[in-house]
């Protein structure tokens, strides 16, 4: 698990009560961060994310419970992206893990318990759909991305994000300990400077000039 970067404005990430209704292993899992390296869950039927699985982008950190009128009362979510939820089924002990997509009315039991759920998660290529995504989703992909993944993320950002939104990520990338990631940031900055000179905010442009000079 990886943390959300300190220098990136944090979006409305999911939260969950610190309660003994759920296994203590949940809270030990998120000690180092909320963004999973293994984030793809194979499923028995197609989902909104794919024909053979679904992604989980951020595990809930301690806080108020996620609630929604179209969720059952005995379901305690630990992940929420748009209309998709992962959560504990409180009507069973051990707590089964359920996936609910309220937009398409899909309700799946995906694991008999939380430990099994974690074991089922798989690494998956960094990818974004050709449509806008929540900041949580872009942030997750950005944090786990390699330098080779970043050109596709930049393509997505230029199409669906503002300069104010992508700017902090460019600065974050430009200060990476990975020289290949710093190079990816430099190449994107030079591309934007040449072809979309008004895309980034003035403050971002000034900061990148300092970092990349």
N, C-alpha and C. Protein backbone atom coordinates (compact mmCIF):
# COMPACT_ATOMS: atom_id res chain seq x y z
N UNK A 1 0.84 -1.19 0.00
CA UNK A 1 0.00 0.00 0.00
C UNK A 1 0.88 1.24 0.00
N UNK A 2 0.45 2.24 -0.73
CA UNK A 2 1.21 3.48 -0.85
C UNK A 2 0.37 4.66 -0.34
N UNK A 3 1.01 5.68 0.22
CA UNK A 3 0.25 6.83 0.72
C UNK A 3 -0.09 7.81 -0.39
N UNK A 4 -1.10 8.61 -0.16
CA UNK A 4 -1.39 9.74 -1.04
C UNK A 4 -0.27 10.76 -0.85
N UNK A 5 0.30 11.30 -1.94
CA UNK A 5 1.43 12.23 -1.79
C UNK A 5 1.06 13.47 -0.98
N UNK A 6 1.95 13.86 -0.08
CA UNK A 6 1.69 15.00 0.80
C UNK A 6 1.50 16.30 0.03
N UNK A 7 2.21 16.45 -1.09
CA UNK A 7 2.18 17.72 -1.81
C UNK A 7 1.05 17.82 -2.82
N UNK A 8 0.23 16.78 -2.92
CA UNK A 8 -0.91 16.79 -3.84
C UNK A 8 -2.19 17.04 -3.05
N UNK A 9 -3.01 18.03 -3.44
CA UNK A 9 -4.29 18.23 -2.75
C UNK A 9 -5.08 16.93 -2.69
N UNK A 10 -5.49 16.56 -1.51
CA UNK A 10 -6.18 15.28 -1.34
C UNK A 10 -7.66 15.42 -1.68
N UNK A 11 -8.16 14.56 -2.56
CA UNK A 11 -9.59 14.61 -2.89
C UNK A 11 -10.42 14.01 -1.76
N UNK A 12 -11.68 13.84 -2.00
CA UNK A 12 -12.59 13.29 -1.01
C UNK A 12 -12.43 11.77 -0.98
N UNK A 13 -11.40 11.30 -0.29
CA UNK A 13 -11.13 9.86 -0.21
C UNK A 13 -12.07 9.19 0.78
N UNK A 14 -12.34 7.89 0.61
CA UNK A 14 -13.28 7.20 1.49
C UNK A 14 -12.76 7.06 2.92
N UNK A 15 -13.69 6.99 3.86
CA UNK A 15 -13.35 6.78 5.27
C UNK A 15 -14.26 5.69 5.85
N UNK A 16 -13.82 5.12 6.98
CA UNK A 16 -14.55 4.02 7.62
C UNK A 16 -14.36 4.13 9.13
N UNK A 17 -15.39 3.85 9.93
CA UNK A 17 -15.23 3.94 11.39
C UNK A 17 -14.23 2.91 11.91
N UNK A 18 -13.49 3.29 12.93
CA UNK A 18 -12.58 2.35 13.60
C UNK A 18 -13.42 1.56 14.59
N UNK A 19 -13.93 0.42 14.15
CA UNK A 19 -14.90 -0.35 14.92
C UNK A 19 -14.49 -1.82 14.97
N UNK A 20 -14.90 -2.50 16.06
CA UNK A 20 -14.61 -3.93 16.16
C UNK A 20 -15.59 -4.78 15.36
N UNK A 21 -16.48 -4.14 14.61
CA UNK A 21 -17.38 -4.88 13.72
C UNK A 21 -16.64 -5.45 12.52
N UNK A 22 -15.45 -4.94 12.25
CA UNK A 22 -14.68 -5.42 11.11
C UNK A 22 -13.33 -5.93 11.60
N UNK A 23 -12.67 -6.79 10.83
CA UNK A 23 -11.42 -7.40 11.30
C UNK A 23 -10.32 -6.37 11.52
N UNK A 24 -9.53 -6.61 12.57
CA UNK A 24 -8.44 -5.68 12.89
C UNK A 24 -7.38 -5.66 11.79
N UNK A 25 -7.31 -6.73 11.01
CA UNK A 25 -6.33 -6.76 9.92
C UNK A 25 -6.60 -5.66 8.89
N UNK A 26 -7.84 -5.18 8.84
CA UNK A 26 -8.11 -4.10 7.89
C UNK A 26 -7.25 -2.88 8.22
N UNK A 27 -7.22 -2.50 9.49
CA UNK A 27 -6.50 -1.28 9.87
C UNK A 27 -4.98 -1.48 9.81
N UNK A 28 -4.51 -2.70 10.03
CA UNK A 28 -3.08 -2.94 9.85
C UNK A 28 -2.70 -2.88 8.38
N UNK A 29 -3.64 -3.21 7.50
CA UNK A 29 -3.37 -3.17 6.06
C UNK A 29 -3.13 -1.75 5.58
N UNK A 30 -3.83 -0.78 6.17
CA UNK A 30 -3.73 0.60 5.67
C UNK A 30 -2.73 1.45 6.46
N UNK A 31 -1.90 0.82 7.29
CA UNK A 31 -0.93 1.58 8.08
C UNK A 31 0.04 2.36 7.20
N UNK A 32 0.44 1.77 6.09
CA UNK A 32 1.44 2.42 5.23
C UNK A 32 0.83 3.28 4.14
N UNK A 33 -0.48 3.22 3.96
CA UNK A 33 -1.12 4.00 2.92
C UNK A 33 -2.44 3.40 2.51
N UNK A 34 -3.13 4.10 1.63
CA UNK A 34 -4.47 3.66 1.22
C UNK A 34 -4.55 3.27 -0.25
N UNK A 35 -3.45 3.44 -1.00
CA UNK A 35 -3.47 3.17 -2.44
C UNK A 35 -2.82 1.82 -2.73
N UNK A 36 -3.57 0.86 -3.26
CA UNK A 36 -3.03 -0.49 -3.42
C UNK A 36 -2.15 -0.64 -4.65
N UNK A 37 -1.04 -1.37 -4.47
CA UNK A 37 -0.20 -1.73 -5.62
C UNK A 37 -0.89 -2.82 -6.44
N UNK A 38 -1.48 -3.78 -5.74
CA UNK A 38 -2.29 -4.81 -6.41
C UNK A 38 -3.74 -4.34 -6.31
N UNK A 39 -4.34 -4.01 -7.44
CA UNK A 39 -5.61 -3.29 -7.38
C UNK A 39 -6.71 -3.89 -8.26
N UNK A 40 -6.41 -4.99 -8.92
CA UNK A 40 -7.39 -5.58 -9.83
C UNK A 40 -7.95 -6.86 -9.22
N UNK A 41 -9.27 -6.95 -9.13
CA UNK A 41 -9.94 -8.12 -8.56
C UNK A 41 -10.65 -8.90 -9.65
N UNK A 42 -10.23 -10.13 -9.94
CA UNK A 42 -10.97 -10.95 -10.89
C UNK A 42 -12.39 -11.22 -10.38
N UNK A 43 -13.35 -11.19 -11.28
CA UNK A 43 -14.74 -11.41 -10.91
C UNK A 43 -15.36 -12.50 -11.78
N UNK A 44 -16.47 -13.04 -11.31
CA UNK A 44 -17.14 -14.13 -12.00
C UNK A 44 -18.00 -13.65 -13.15
N UNK A 45 -18.18 -12.34 -13.28
CA UNK A 45 -18.99 -11.78 -14.36
C UNK A 45 -18.46 -10.39 -14.71
N UNK A 46 -18.82 -9.89 -15.88
CA UNK A 46 -18.34 -8.56 -16.28
C UNK A 46 -18.80 -7.48 -15.31
N UNK A 47 -17.99 -6.42 -15.23
CA UNK A 47 -18.31 -5.27 -14.38
C UNK A 47 -18.20 -3.99 -15.22
N UNK A 48 -18.46 -2.88 -14.59
CA UNK A 48 -18.31 -1.59 -15.29
C UNK A 48 -16.86 -1.33 -15.68
N UNK A 49 -15.92 -2.03 -15.04
CA UNK A 49 -14.49 -1.82 -15.32
C UNK A 49 -13.93 -2.75 -16.38
N UNK A 50 -14.56 -3.91 -16.58
CA UNK A 50 -13.99 -4.86 -17.53
C UNK A 50 -14.78 -6.15 -17.59
N UNK A 51 -14.41 -6.99 -18.54
CA UNK A 51 -15.12 -8.25 -18.75
C UNK A 51 -14.80 -9.28 -17.68
N UNK A 52 -13.64 -9.16 -17.04
CA UNK A 52 -13.21 -10.22 -16.13
C UNK A 52 -12.78 -9.72 -14.76
N UNK A 53 -13.09 -8.46 -14.44
CA UNK A 53 -12.66 -7.97 -13.14
C UNK A 53 -13.07 -6.54 -12.88
N UNK A 54 -12.62 -6.04 -11.73
CA UNK A 54 -12.97 -4.68 -11.31
C UNK A 54 -11.79 -4.11 -10.52
N UNK A 55 -11.61 -2.81 -10.59
CA UNK A 55 -10.51 -2.16 -9.88
C UNK A 55 -10.94 -1.56 -8.56
N UNK A 56 -10.01 -1.56 -7.61
CA UNK A 56 -10.21 -0.85 -6.34
C UNK A 56 -9.08 0.18 -6.24
N UNK A 57 -9.43 1.43 -5.98
CA UNK A 57 -8.46 2.51 -6.12
C UNK A 57 -7.97 3.10 -4.81
N UNK A 58 -8.78 3.08 -3.77
CA UNK A 58 -8.33 3.63 -2.48
C UNK A 58 -9.09 2.94 -1.36
N UNK A 59 -8.34 2.45 -0.38
CA UNK A 59 -8.95 1.87 0.81
C UNK A 59 -9.28 3.00 1.79
N UNK A 60 -10.41 2.85 2.46
CA UNK A 60 -10.86 3.88 3.39
C UNK A 60 -9.93 3.99 4.59
N UNK A 61 -9.72 5.21 5.03
CA UNK A 61 -8.96 5.48 6.24
C UNK A 61 -9.94 5.82 7.37
N UNK A 62 -9.51 5.81 8.64
CA UNK A 62 -10.46 6.03 9.74
C UNK A 62 -11.21 7.35 9.62
N UNK A 63 -12.51 7.26 9.84
CA UNK A 63 -13.38 8.42 9.75
C UNK A 63 -14.83 7.98 9.73
N UNK A 64 -15.69 8.84 9.26
CA UNK A 64 -17.12 8.54 9.22
C UNK A 64 -17.42 7.47 8.18
N UNK A 65 -18.50 6.73 8.41
CA UNK A 65 -18.91 5.68 7.48
C UNK A 65 -19.44 6.30 6.19
N UNK A 66 -19.18 5.61 5.08
CA UNK A 66 -19.77 5.98 3.80
C UNK A 66 -21.23 5.53 3.82
N UNK A 67 -22.13 6.42 3.49
CA UNK A 67 -23.55 6.08 3.48
C UNK A 67 -24.17 6.49 2.15
N UNK A 68 -25.20 5.76 1.77
CA UNK A 68 -25.96 6.08 0.57
C UNK A 68 -27.32 5.41 0.69
N UNK A 69 -28.35 6.05 0.16
CA UNK A 69 -29.71 5.53 0.29
C UNK A 69 -29.89 4.19 -0.40
N UNK A 70 -29.08 3.92 -1.43
CA UNK A 70 -29.27 2.69 -2.19
C UNK A 70 -28.33 1.57 -1.75
N UNK A 71 -27.72 1.71 -0.57
CA UNK A 71 -26.90 0.64 -0.01
C UNK A 71 -27.63 -0.02 1.15
N UNK A 72 -27.45 -1.34 1.34
CA UNK A 72 -28.12 -2.01 2.46
C UNK A 72 -27.55 -1.59 3.80
N UNK A 73 -28.36 -1.68 4.84
CA UNK A 73 -27.95 -1.23 6.17
C UNK A 73 -26.83 -2.08 6.76
N UNK A 74 -26.73 -3.35 6.34
CA UNK A 74 -25.71 -4.24 6.89
C UNK A 74 -24.45 -4.28 6.03
N UNK A 75 -24.24 -3.26 5.22
CA UNK A 75 -23.07 -3.17 4.34
C UNK A 75 -22.23 -1.97 4.76
N UNK A 76 -20.96 -2.22 5.14
CA UNK A 76 -20.06 -1.15 5.57
C UNK A 76 -18.95 -1.00 4.54
N UNK A 77 -19.01 0.03 3.69
CA UNK A 77 -18.03 0.17 2.62
C UNK A 77 -16.63 0.53 3.13
N UNK A 78 -15.62 -0.04 2.44
CA UNK A 78 -14.23 0.38 2.70
C UNK A 78 -13.58 0.93 1.43
N UNK A 79 -14.35 1.02 0.36
CA UNK A 79 -13.86 1.67 -0.86
C UNK A 79 -15.07 2.19 -1.62
N UNK A 80 -14.88 3.35 -2.27
CA UNK A 80 -15.99 3.98 -2.97
C UNK A 80 -15.44 4.83 -4.10
N UNK A 81 -15.82 4.49 -5.31
CA UNK A 81 -15.47 5.29 -6.49
C UNK A 81 -16.73 5.46 -7.32
N UNK A 82 -17.29 6.66 -7.34
CA UNK A 82 -18.51 6.89 -8.11
C UNK A 82 -19.65 6.05 -7.59
N UNK A 83 -20.14 5.16 -8.44
CA UNK A 83 -21.27 4.29 -8.08
C UNK A 83 -20.81 2.90 -7.67
N UNK A 84 -19.51 2.71 -7.50
CA UNK A 84 -18.95 1.40 -7.17
C UNK A 84 -18.45 1.37 -5.73
N UNK A 85 -18.77 0.28 -5.03
CA UNK A 85 -18.40 0.14 -3.62
C UNK A 85 -17.84 -1.26 -3.36
N UNK A 86 -16.84 -1.33 -2.49
CA UNK A 86 -16.43 -2.57 -1.85
C UNK A 86 -16.71 -2.41 -0.36
N UNK A 87 -17.16 -3.50 0.29
CA UNK A 87 -17.44 -3.35 1.70
C UNK A 87 -17.64 -4.66 2.42
N UNK A 88 -17.76 -4.55 3.74
CA UNK A 88 -17.98 -5.70 4.61
C UNK A 88 -19.48 -5.99 4.73
N UNK A 89 -19.83 -7.26 4.60
CA UNK A 89 -21.20 -7.70 4.84
C UNK A 89 -21.32 -8.03 6.32
N UNK A 90 -21.93 -7.13 7.07
CA UNK A 90 -22.00 -7.28 8.52
C UNK A 90 -22.99 -8.35 8.96
N UNK A 91 -23.75 -8.91 8.03
CA UNK A 91 -24.72 -9.95 8.39
C UNK A 91 -24.07 -11.33 8.46
N UNK A 92 -22.80 -11.43 8.11
CA UNK A 92 -22.08 -12.71 8.16
C UNK A 92 -20.81 -12.57 8.99
N UNK A 93 -20.45 -13.66 9.68
CA UNK A 93 -19.22 -13.69 10.45
C UNK A 93 -18.51 -15.01 10.13
N UNK A 94 -17.32 -14.99 9.56
CA UNK A 94 -16.52 -13.81 9.25
C UNK A 94 -17.18 -12.93 8.19
N UNK A 95 -16.75 -11.68 8.16
CA UNK A 95 -17.37 -10.70 7.27
C UNK A 95 -17.04 -10.99 5.81
N UNK A 96 -18.06 -11.32 5.06
CA UNK A 96 -17.85 -11.47 3.63
C UNK A 96 -17.57 -10.11 3.00
N UNK A 97 -16.90 -10.16 1.86
CA UNK A 97 -16.61 -8.93 1.12
C UNK A 97 -17.53 -8.87 -0.09
N UNK A 98 -18.21 -7.74 -0.22
CA UNK A 98 -19.15 -7.58 -1.33
C UNK A 98 -18.73 -6.40 -2.21
N UNK A 99 -19.05 -6.55 -3.47
CA UNK A 99 -18.88 -5.46 -4.43
C UNK A 99 -20.27 -5.07 -4.92
N UNK A 100 -20.59 -3.79 -4.84
CA UNK A 100 -21.89 -3.29 -5.27
C UNK A 100 -21.70 -2.14 -6.24
N UNK A 101 -22.35 -2.24 -7.38
CA UNK A 101 -22.39 -1.15 -8.36
C UNK A 101 -23.84 -0.70 -8.45
N UNK A 102 -24.14 0.44 -7.86
CA UNK A 102 -25.52 0.88 -7.77
C UNK A 102 -26.07 1.37 -9.11
N UNK A 103 -25.20 1.75 -10.03
CA UNK A 103 -25.67 2.24 -11.32
C UNK A 103 -26.27 1.13 -12.16
N UNK A 104 -25.67 -0.06 -12.10
CA UNK A 104 -26.15 -1.18 -12.92
C UNK A 104 -26.79 -2.26 -12.06
N UNK A 105 -26.97 -1.98 -10.76
CA UNK A 105 -27.60 -2.90 -9.83
C UNK A 105 -26.88 -4.25 -9.80
N UNK A 106 -25.56 -4.19 -9.68
CA UNK A 106 -24.74 -5.40 -9.60
C UNK A 106 -24.29 -5.61 -8.16
N UNK A 107 -24.60 -6.78 -7.63
CA UNK A 107 -24.26 -7.11 -6.25
C UNK A 107 -23.52 -8.45 -6.27
N UNK A 108 -22.24 -8.43 -5.93
CA UNK A 108 -21.44 -9.65 -5.94
C UNK A 108 -20.80 -9.88 -4.57
N UNK A 109 -20.80 -11.13 -4.13
CA UNK A 109 -19.94 -11.53 -3.01
C UNK A 109 -18.62 -11.97 -3.63
N UNK A 110 -17.55 -11.23 -3.34
CA UNK A 110 -16.28 -11.46 -4.04
C UNK A 110 -15.25 -12.19 -3.20
N UNK A 111 -15.49 -12.33 -1.89
CA UNK A 111 -14.56 -13.07 -1.04
C UNK A 111 -15.26 -13.46 0.26
N UNK A 112 -14.87 -14.61 0.84
CA UNK A 112 -15.51 -15.03 2.10
C UNK A 112 -15.04 -14.24 3.31
N UNK A 113 -13.89 -13.54 3.18
CA UNK A 113 -13.36 -12.74 4.28
C UNK A 113 -12.34 -11.76 3.72
N UNK A 114 -11.88 -10.84 4.57
CA UNK A 114 -11.00 -9.78 4.10
C UNK A 114 -9.62 -10.30 3.69
N UNK A 115 -9.07 -11.25 4.45
CA UNK A 115 -7.76 -11.78 4.11
C UNK A 115 -7.77 -12.44 2.74
N UNK A 116 -8.82 -13.18 2.45
CA UNK A 116 -8.94 -13.81 1.13
C UNK A 116 -9.07 -12.76 0.05
N UNK A 117 -9.82 -11.72 0.33
CA UNK A 117 -9.96 -10.62 -0.63
C UNK A 117 -8.60 -10.04 -0.99
N UNK A 118 -7.76 -9.78 0.01
CA UNK A 118 -6.44 -9.22 -0.26
C UNK A 118 -5.61 -10.15 -1.12
N UNK A 119 -5.70 -11.46 -0.85
CA UNK A 119 -4.92 -12.43 -1.62
C UNK A 119 -5.38 -12.50 -3.07
N UNK A 120 -6.65 -12.17 -3.31
CA UNK A 120 -7.19 -12.23 -4.67
C UNK A 120 -6.78 -11.04 -5.53
N UNK A 121 -6.41 -9.94 -4.91
CA UNK A 121 -6.05 -8.75 -5.68
C UNK A 121 -4.78 -9.00 -6.48
N UNK A 122 -4.77 -8.51 -7.71
CA UNK A 122 -3.66 -8.76 -8.62
C UNK A 122 -3.06 -7.44 -9.13
N UNK A 123 -1.77 -7.46 -9.50
CA UNK A 123 -1.22 -6.31 -10.23
C UNK A 123 -1.95 -6.18 -11.56
N UNK A 124 -2.00 -4.97 -12.08
CA UNK A 124 -2.70 -4.73 -13.34
C UNK A 124 -2.06 -3.53 -14.02
N UNK A 125 -2.02 -3.51 -15.35
CA UNK A 125 -1.43 -2.35 -16.02
C UNK A 125 -2.12 -1.05 -15.64
N UNK A 126 -1.33 0.00 -15.54
CA UNK A 126 -1.89 1.34 -15.29
C UNK A 126 -2.68 1.75 -16.52
N UNK A 127 -3.93 2.13 -16.31
CA UNK A 127 -4.76 2.52 -17.45
C UNK A 127 -5.89 3.42 -16.97
N UNK A 128 -6.31 4.29 -17.88
CA UNK A 128 -7.45 5.16 -17.63
C UNK A 128 -8.39 5.08 -18.82
N UNK A 129 -9.69 5.14 -18.60
CA UNK A 129 -10.63 5.13 -19.72
C UNK A 129 -10.59 6.45 -20.48
N UNK A 130 -11.14 6.45 -21.66
CA UNK A 130 -11.17 7.68 -22.47
C UNK A 130 -12.38 8.52 -22.09
N UNK A 131 -12.43 8.91 -20.84
CA UNK A 131 -13.47 9.77 -20.30
C UNK A 131 -12.96 10.31 -18.96
N UNK A 132 -13.57 11.37 -18.45
CA UNK A 132 -13.09 11.91 -17.17
C UNK A 132 -13.19 10.89 -16.05
N UNK A 133 -12.26 10.94 -15.12
CA UNK A 133 -12.28 10.06 -13.95
C UNK A 133 -12.17 10.91 -12.69
N UNK A 134 -12.55 10.31 -11.57
CA UNK A 134 -12.44 11.00 -10.29
C UNK A 134 -10.97 11.25 -9.95
N UNK A 135 -10.67 12.33 -9.22
CA UNK A 135 -9.29 12.58 -8.80
C UNK A 135 -8.67 11.39 -8.06
N UNK A 136 -9.49 10.65 -7.33
CA UNK A 136 -9.01 9.46 -6.62
C UNK A 136 -8.41 8.46 -7.60
N UNK A 137 -9.08 8.25 -8.73
CA UNK A 137 -8.64 7.26 -9.71
C UNK A 137 -7.36 7.72 -10.40
N UNK A 138 -7.35 8.98 -10.86
CA UNK A 138 -6.13 9.48 -11.50
C UNK A 138 -4.96 9.45 -10.51
N UNK A 139 -5.21 9.86 -9.27
CA UNK A 139 -4.15 9.86 -8.27
C UNK A 139 -3.59 8.48 -8.01
N UNK A 140 -4.46 7.48 -7.94
CA UNK A 140 -4.00 6.11 -7.73
C UNK A 140 -3.10 5.66 -8.87
N UNK A 141 -3.56 5.89 -10.10
CA UNK A 141 -2.76 5.50 -11.25
C UNK A 141 -1.43 6.26 -11.28
N UNK A 142 -1.46 7.53 -10.91
CA UNK A 142 -0.24 8.34 -10.92
C UNK A 142 0.78 7.81 -9.91
N UNK A 143 0.32 7.43 -8.74
CA UNK A 143 1.23 6.99 -7.68
C UNK A 143 1.89 5.66 -8.03
N UNK A 144 1.15 4.75 -8.66
CA UNK A 144 1.73 3.44 -8.97
C UNK A 144 2.38 3.39 -10.34
N UNK A 145 2.26 4.46 -11.13
CA UNK A 145 2.77 4.47 -12.50
C UNK A 145 4.30 4.44 -12.54
N UNK A 146 4.83 3.77 -13.56
CA UNK A 146 6.25 3.86 -13.87
C UNK A 146 6.45 5.03 -14.82
N UNK A 147 7.70 5.35 -15.10
CA UNK A 147 7.98 6.43 -16.05
C UNK A 147 7.38 6.13 -17.41
N UNK A 148 7.38 4.85 -17.80
CA UNK A 148 6.82 4.48 -19.11
C UNK A 148 5.31 4.65 -19.17
N UNK A 149 4.65 4.64 -18.01
CA UNK A 149 3.19 4.80 -17.97
C UNK A 149 2.77 6.26 -18.12
N UNK A 150 3.65 7.18 -17.80
CA UNK A 150 3.25 8.58 -17.70
C UNK A 150 2.82 9.23 -19.01
N UNK A 151 3.39 8.92 -20.17
CA UNK A 151 2.89 9.55 -21.40
C UNK A 151 1.38 9.37 -21.60
N UNK A 152 0.87 8.16 -21.30
CA UNK A 152 -0.58 7.93 -21.44
C UNK A 152 -1.36 8.73 -20.40
N UNK A 153 -0.81 8.85 -19.19
CA UNK A 153 -1.49 9.65 -18.17
C UNK A 153 -1.51 11.12 -18.57
N UNK A 154 -0.43 11.60 -19.17
CA UNK A 154 -0.40 12.99 -19.63
C UNK A 154 -1.40 13.21 -20.76
N UNK A 155 -1.51 12.25 -21.67
CA UNK A 155 -2.51 12.36 -22.74
C UNK A 155 -3.90 12.51 -22.15
N UNK A 156 -4.19 11.69 -21.15
CA UNK A 156 -5.49 11.76 -20.49
C UNK A 156 -5.68 13.13 -19.83
N UNK A 157 -4.64 13.60 -19.14
CA UNK A 157 -4.74 14.86 -18.41
C UNK A 157 -4.99 16.03 -19.34
N UNK A 158 -4.31 16.06 -20.49
CA UNK A 158 -4.49 17.16 -21.43
C UNK A 158 -5.90 17.19 -21.99
N UNK A 159 -6.54 16.03 -22.06
CA UNK A 159 -7.89 15.93 -22.63
C UNK A 159 -8.98 16.20 -21.61
N UNK A 160 -8.79 15.70 -20.39
CA UNK A 160 -9.90 15.68 -19.43
C UNK A 160 -9.64 16.47 -18.14
N UNK A 161 -8.45 17.03 -17.97
CA UNK A 161 -8.14 17.75 -16.75
C UNK A 161 -7.71 19.17 -17.07
N UNK A 162 -7.72 20.02 -16.07
CA UNK A 162 -7.24 21.39 -16.24
C UNK A 162 -5.76 21.46 -15.88
N UNK A 163 -5.13 22.55 -16.29
CA UNK A 163 -3.75 22.75 -15.91
C UNK A 163 -3.56 22.86 -14.42
N UNK A 164 -4.56 23.43 -13.73
CA UNK A 164 -4.49 23.55 -12.27
C UNK A 164 -4.54 22.18 -11.61
N UNK A 165 -5.21 21.22 -12.25
CA UNK A 165 -5.31 19.87 -11.68
C UNK A 165 -4.05 19.04 -11.94
N UNK A 166 -3.50 19.13 -13.13
CA UNK A 166 -2.32 18.31 -13.45
C UNK A 166 -1.04 18.95 -12.95
N UNK A 167 -1.04 20.27 -12.74
CA UNK A 167 0.18 20.96 -12.33
C UNK A 167 0.86 20.38 -11.10
N UNK A 168 0.13 20.15 -9.99
CA UNK A 168 0.78 19.58 -8.81
C UNK A 168 1.40 18.21 -9.07
N UNK A 169 0.78 17.42 -9.95
CA UNK A 169 1.35 16.12 -10.28
C UNK A 169 2.64 16.27 -11.08
N UNK A 170 2.69 17.24 -11.97
CA UNK A 170 3.93 17.49 -12.72
C UNK A 170 5.06 17.90 -11.78
N UNK A 171 4.75 18.77 -10.84
CA UNK A 171 5.77 19.19 -9.86
C UNK A 171 6.21 18.00 -9.01
N UNK A 172 5.26 17.21 -8.58
CA UNK A 172 5.57 16.00 -7.79
C UNK A 172 6.48 15.07 -8.57
N UNK A 173 6.16 14.88 -9.84
CA UNK A 173 6.96 13.99 -10.68
C UNK A 173 8.36 14.56 -10.90
N UNK A 174 8.43 15.87 -11.05
CA UNK A 174 9.72 16.52 -11.30
C UNK A 174 10.65 16.45 -10.09
N UNK A 175 10.12 16.14 -8.92
CA UNK A 175 10.94 16.02 -7.71
C UNK A 175 11.13 14.56 -7.30
N UNK A 176 10.77 13.63 -8.18
CA UNK A 176 10.89 12.21 -7.88
C UNK A 176 12.35 11.80 -7.72
N UNK A 177 12.57 10.78 -6.89
CA UNK A 177 13.92 10.21 -6.77
C UNK A 177 14.30 9.39 -7.99
N UNK A 178 13.31 9.05 -8.81
CA UNK A 178 13.52 8.26 -10.02
C UNK A 178 13.86 9.20 -11.18
N UNK A 179 15.05 9.08 -11.71
CA UNK A 179 15.48 9.99 -12.78
C UNK A 179 14.63 9.85 -14.03
N UNK A 180 14.12 8.64 -14.30
CA UNK A 180 13.27 8.44 -15.47
C UNK A 180 11.95 9.18 -15.32
N UNK A 181 11.44 9.25 -14.10
CA UNK A 181 10.20 10.00 -13.86
C UNK A 181 10.46 11.50 -13.98
N UNK A 182 11.59 11.95 -13.50
CA UNK A 182 11.92 13.37 -13.66
C UNK A 182 12.04 13.73 -15.14
N UNK A 183 12.60 12.80 -15.92
CA UNK A 183 12.71 13.04 -17.36
C UNK A 183 11.33 13.09 -18.01
N UNK A 184 10.41 12.22 -17.57
CA UNK A 184 9.04 12.24 -18.10
C UNK A 184 8.38 13.58 -17.80
N UNK A 185 8.60 14.11 -16.60
CA UNK A 185 8.04 15.42 -16.25
C UNK A 185 8.64 16.51 -17.13
N UNK A 186 9.93 16.45 -17.37
CA UNK A 186 10.59 17.46 -18.19
C UNK A 186 10.06 17.43 -19.62
N UNK A 187 9.89 16.24 -20.16
CA UNK A 187 9.40 16.12 -21.53
C UNK A 187 7.98 16.66 -21.66
N UNK A 188 7.14 16.40 -20.66
CA UNK A 188 5.77 16.91 -20.71
C UNK A 188 5.75 18.43 -20.55
N UNK A 189 6.58 18.94 -19.67
CA UNK A 189 6.66 20.39 -19.49
C UNK A 189 7.09 21.07 -20.79
N UNK A 190 8.09 20.53 -21.46
CA UNK A 190 8.56 21.14 -22.71
C UNK A 190 7.50 21.01 -23.81
N UNK A 191 6.77 19.90 -23.82
CA UNK A 191 5.67 19.74 -24.78
C UNK A 191 4.61 20.81 -24.56
N UNK A 192 4.20 20.97 -23.31
CA UNK A 192 3.16 21.96 -23.01
C UNK A 192 3.65 23.38 -23.29
N UNK A 193 4.90 23.64 -22.99
CA UNK A 193 5.46 24.98 -23.23
C UNK A 193 5.41 25.33 -24.71
N UNK A 194 5.60 24.31 -25.54
CA UNK A 194 5.63 24.56 -26.99
C UNK A 194 4.25 24.58 -27.61
N UNK A 195 3.40 23.62 -27.23
CA UNK A 195 2.13 23.45 -27.94
C UNK A 195 0.91 23.96 -27.17
N UNK A 196 0.98 24.03 -25.85
CA UNK A 196 -0.14 24.54 -25.05
C UNK A 196 0.42 25.47 -23.97
N UNK A 197 1.00 26.59 -24.38
CA UNK A 197 1.73 27.44 -23.42
C UNK A 197 0.87 28.05 -22.33
N UNK A 198 -0.43 28.09 -22.52
CA UNK A 198 -1.31 28.68 -21.50
C UNK A 198 -2.04 27.63 -20.67
N UNK A 199 -1.65 26.36 -20.81
CA UNK A 199 -2.36 25.28 -20.13
C UNK A 199 -2.08 25.29 -18.63
N UNK A 200 -0.82 25.34 -18.26
CA UNK A 200 -0.46 25.32 -16.84
C UNK A 200 -0.65 26.70 -16.22
N UNK A 201 -0.86 26.72 -14.91
CA UNK A 201 -0.99 28.01 -14.23
C UNK A 201 0.38 28.69 -14.17
N UNK A 202 0.40 30.03 -14.06
CA UNK A 202 1.69 30.72 -13.96
C UNK A 202 2.56 30.22 -12.81
N UNK A 203 1.96 29.95 -11.66
CA UNK A 203 2.75 29.48 -10.52
C UNK A 203 3.38 28.12 -10.79
N UNK A 204 2.62 27.24 -11.45
CA UNK A 204 3.17 25.93 -11.80
C UNK A 204 4.32 26.08 -12.78
N UNK A 205 4.14 26.93 -13.78
CA UNK A 205 5.19 27.15 -14.77
C UNK A 205 6.47 27.67 -14.12
N UNK A 206 6.34 28.61 -13.21
CA UNK A 206 7.51 29.16 -12.51
C UNK A 206 8.21 28.07 -11.71
N UNK A 207 7.44 27.26 -10.99
CA UNK A 207 8.02 26.20 -10.17
C UNK A 207 8.73 25.16 -11.03
N UNK A 208 8.11 24.79 -12.15
CA UNK A 208 8.74 23.79 -13.02
C UNK A 208 10.01 24.32 -13.67
N UNK A 209 10.02 25.59 -14.01
CA UNK A 209 11.25 26.18 -14.56
C UNK A 209 12.40 26.06 -13.57
N UNK A 210 12.10 26.30 -12.30
CA UNK A 210 13.14 26.19 -11.27
C UNK A 210 13.62 24.74 -11.14
N UNK A 211 12.67 23.82 -11.12
CA UNK A 211 13.01 22.42 -10.88
C UNK A 211 13.74 21.79 -12.06
N UNK A 212 13.38 22.21 -13.27
CA UNK A 212 13.87 21.52 -14.46
C UNK A 212 14.96 22.29 -15.19
N UNK A 213 15.37 23.40 -14.63
CA UNK A 213 16.42 24.19 -15.30
C UNK A 213 17.80 23.54 -15.13
